[in-house]
Protein backbone atom coordinates (compact mmCIF):
# COMPACT_ATOMS: atom_id res chain seq x y z
CA MET A 1 -14.10 30.40 1.79
CA LEU A 2 -11.79 27.71 0.25
CA GLY A 3 -10.94 28.45 -3.36
CA PRO A 4 -11.37 26.45 -6.42
CA LEU A 5 -8.33 24.70 -6.00
CA GLN A 6 -8.07 23.89 -2.25
CA VAL A 7 -9.33 20.56 -0.78
CA GLY A 8 -11.34 20.62 2.17
CA GLY A 9 -14.61 19.68 4.12
CA THR A 10 -16.39 16.57 2.26
CA THR A 11 -13.96 16.30 -0.61
CA ALA A 12 -11.18 15.64 2.16
CA ALA A 13 -12.95 13.12 3.84
CA LEU A 14 -14.33 11.73 0.40
CA LEU A 15 -10.48 10.98 -0.98
CA GLN A 16 -9.93 9.54 2.43
CA ALA A 17 -12.42 7.33 2.06
CA TYR A 18 -11.30 6.44 -1.57
CA GLU A 19 -8.24 5.67 -0.54
CA MET A 20 -9.17 3.00 2.64
CA VAL A 21 -11.39 0.99 -0.28
CA GLY A 22 -8.18 1.00 -2.51
CA ALA A 23 -6.06 0.05 0.36
CA ALA A 24 -8.71 -2.75 1.35
CA LEU A 25 -8.95 -4.00 -2.09
CA GLY A 26 -5.24 -4.49 -2.70
CA LEU A 27 -4.99 -6.07 0.94
CA PHE A 28 -7.62 -8.30 -0.46
CA ILE A 29 -5.41 -9.31 -3.09
CA ALA A 30 -2.63 -9.76 -0.74
CA PHE A 31 -5.06 -12.13 1.01
CA LEU A 32 -6.06 -14.37 -1.98
CA ALA A 33 -2.49 -14.55 -3.28
CA TYR A 34 -1.04 -15.88 -0.12
CA ARG A 35 -4.02 -18.46 -0.47
CA GLY A 36 -3.18 -19.53 -3.59
CA TYR A 37 0.36 -19.87 -2.30
CA ARG A 38 -0.86 -21.87 0.48
CA ARG A 39 -3.04 -24.28 -1.66
CA ASN A 40 -0.63 -24.97 -3.99
CA ASP A 41 2.55 -24.35 -2.34
CA SER A 42 3.43 -22.11 -4.97
CA ARG A 43 6.56 -19.38 -4.22
CA PRO A 44 5.75 -17.04 -6.92
CA MET A 45 2.11 -16.47 -5.49
CA LEU A 46 4.12 -15.64 -2.19
CA TYR A 47 6.07 -12.82 -3.29
CA LEU A 48 2.85 -11.18 -4.90
CA ALA A 49 1.44 -11.41 -1.81
CA ILE A 50 4.02 -9.97 0.00
CA GLY A 51 4.37 -7.77 -2.77
CA PHE A 52 0.75 -6.48 -2.83
CA GLY A 53 1.01 -6.01 1.15
CA ILE A 54 3.75 -4.10 1.55
CA ILE A 55 2.59 -1.52 -1.53
CA LEU A 56 -1.40 -1.15 -0.11
CA GLY A 57 -1.32 -2.78 3.12
CA LEU A 58 1.43 -0.53 4.82
CA PRO A 59 1.26 2.71 3.86
CA ILE A 60 -1.53 2.94 6.03
CA PRO A 61 -0.14 2.49 8.84
CA LEU A 62 2.60 4.62 8.17
CA VAL A 63 0.53 7.66 7.24
CA ALA A 64 -1.50 7.37 10.86
CA ILE A 65 1.99 7.04 12.74
CA SER A 66 2.85 10.60 10.91
CA LEU A 67 0.03 12.09 11.82
CA LEU A 68 0.49 10.82 15.49
CA PHE A 69 4.07 12.42 15.71
CA PRO A 70 3.37 15.80 13.39
CA SER A 71 7.31 16.03 13.80
CA ILE A 72 8.66 13.89 11.36
CA PRO A 73 9.22 15.94 8.10
CA GLY A 74 6.87 15.12 5.07
CA ALA A 75 9.94 14.43 2.55
CA VAL A 76 10.98 11.64 5.23
CA SER A 77 7.87 10.16 5.44
CA GLN A 78 7.48 10.18 1.56
CA ALA A 79 10.74 8.59 1.12
CA PHE A 80 10.10 5.72 3.78
CA VAL A 81 6.67 5.63 1.87
CA GLN A 82 8.23 5.40 -1.61
CA THR A 83 11.26 2.89 -0.94
CA LEU A 84 8.28 0.41 0.45
CA GLU A 85 6.33 0.37 -3.18
CA ILE A 86 9.63 0.05 -4.67
CA VAL A 87 10.36 -2.91 -2.91
CA GLY A 88 6.65 -4.11 -3.08
CA LEU A 89 7.26 -3.79 -6.89
CA VAL A 90 10.33 -5.54 -6.91
CA CYS A 91 9.17 -8.46 -4.74
CA ILE A 92 6.14 -8.94 -7.86
CA ILE A 93 8.57 -8.29 -10.37
CA TYR A 94 10.45 -11.40 -8.87
CA ALA A 95 7.41 -13.01 -8.34
CA LEU A 96 6.61 -12.92 -12.64
CA ARG A 97 9.89 -13.99 -13.37
CA MET A 98 10.79 -16.89 -10.90
CA GLU A 99 10.18 -20.21 -11.81
CA PRO A 100 7.96 -22.05 -10.06
């Protein structure tokens, strides 16, 4: 029997689906920013697209890799995901601060 603080079954599947929806929306935003870069030749839009792509696109394959190779420690994969998020945020900050 599952306790009140344990997640399992349907709840876990719902949370994973919710995470995928968030990743898909983020990648769509990155795609729109990339299209804006191509249309207007705007370097800030390129860095915005790169930032969103790194933050919301790369953690999903990394989680899949960590599931395929369970010998990778959780702390290592989490540190790598956090590093990617910081790099993505730096790209977004750079895009917002640079002159077009």
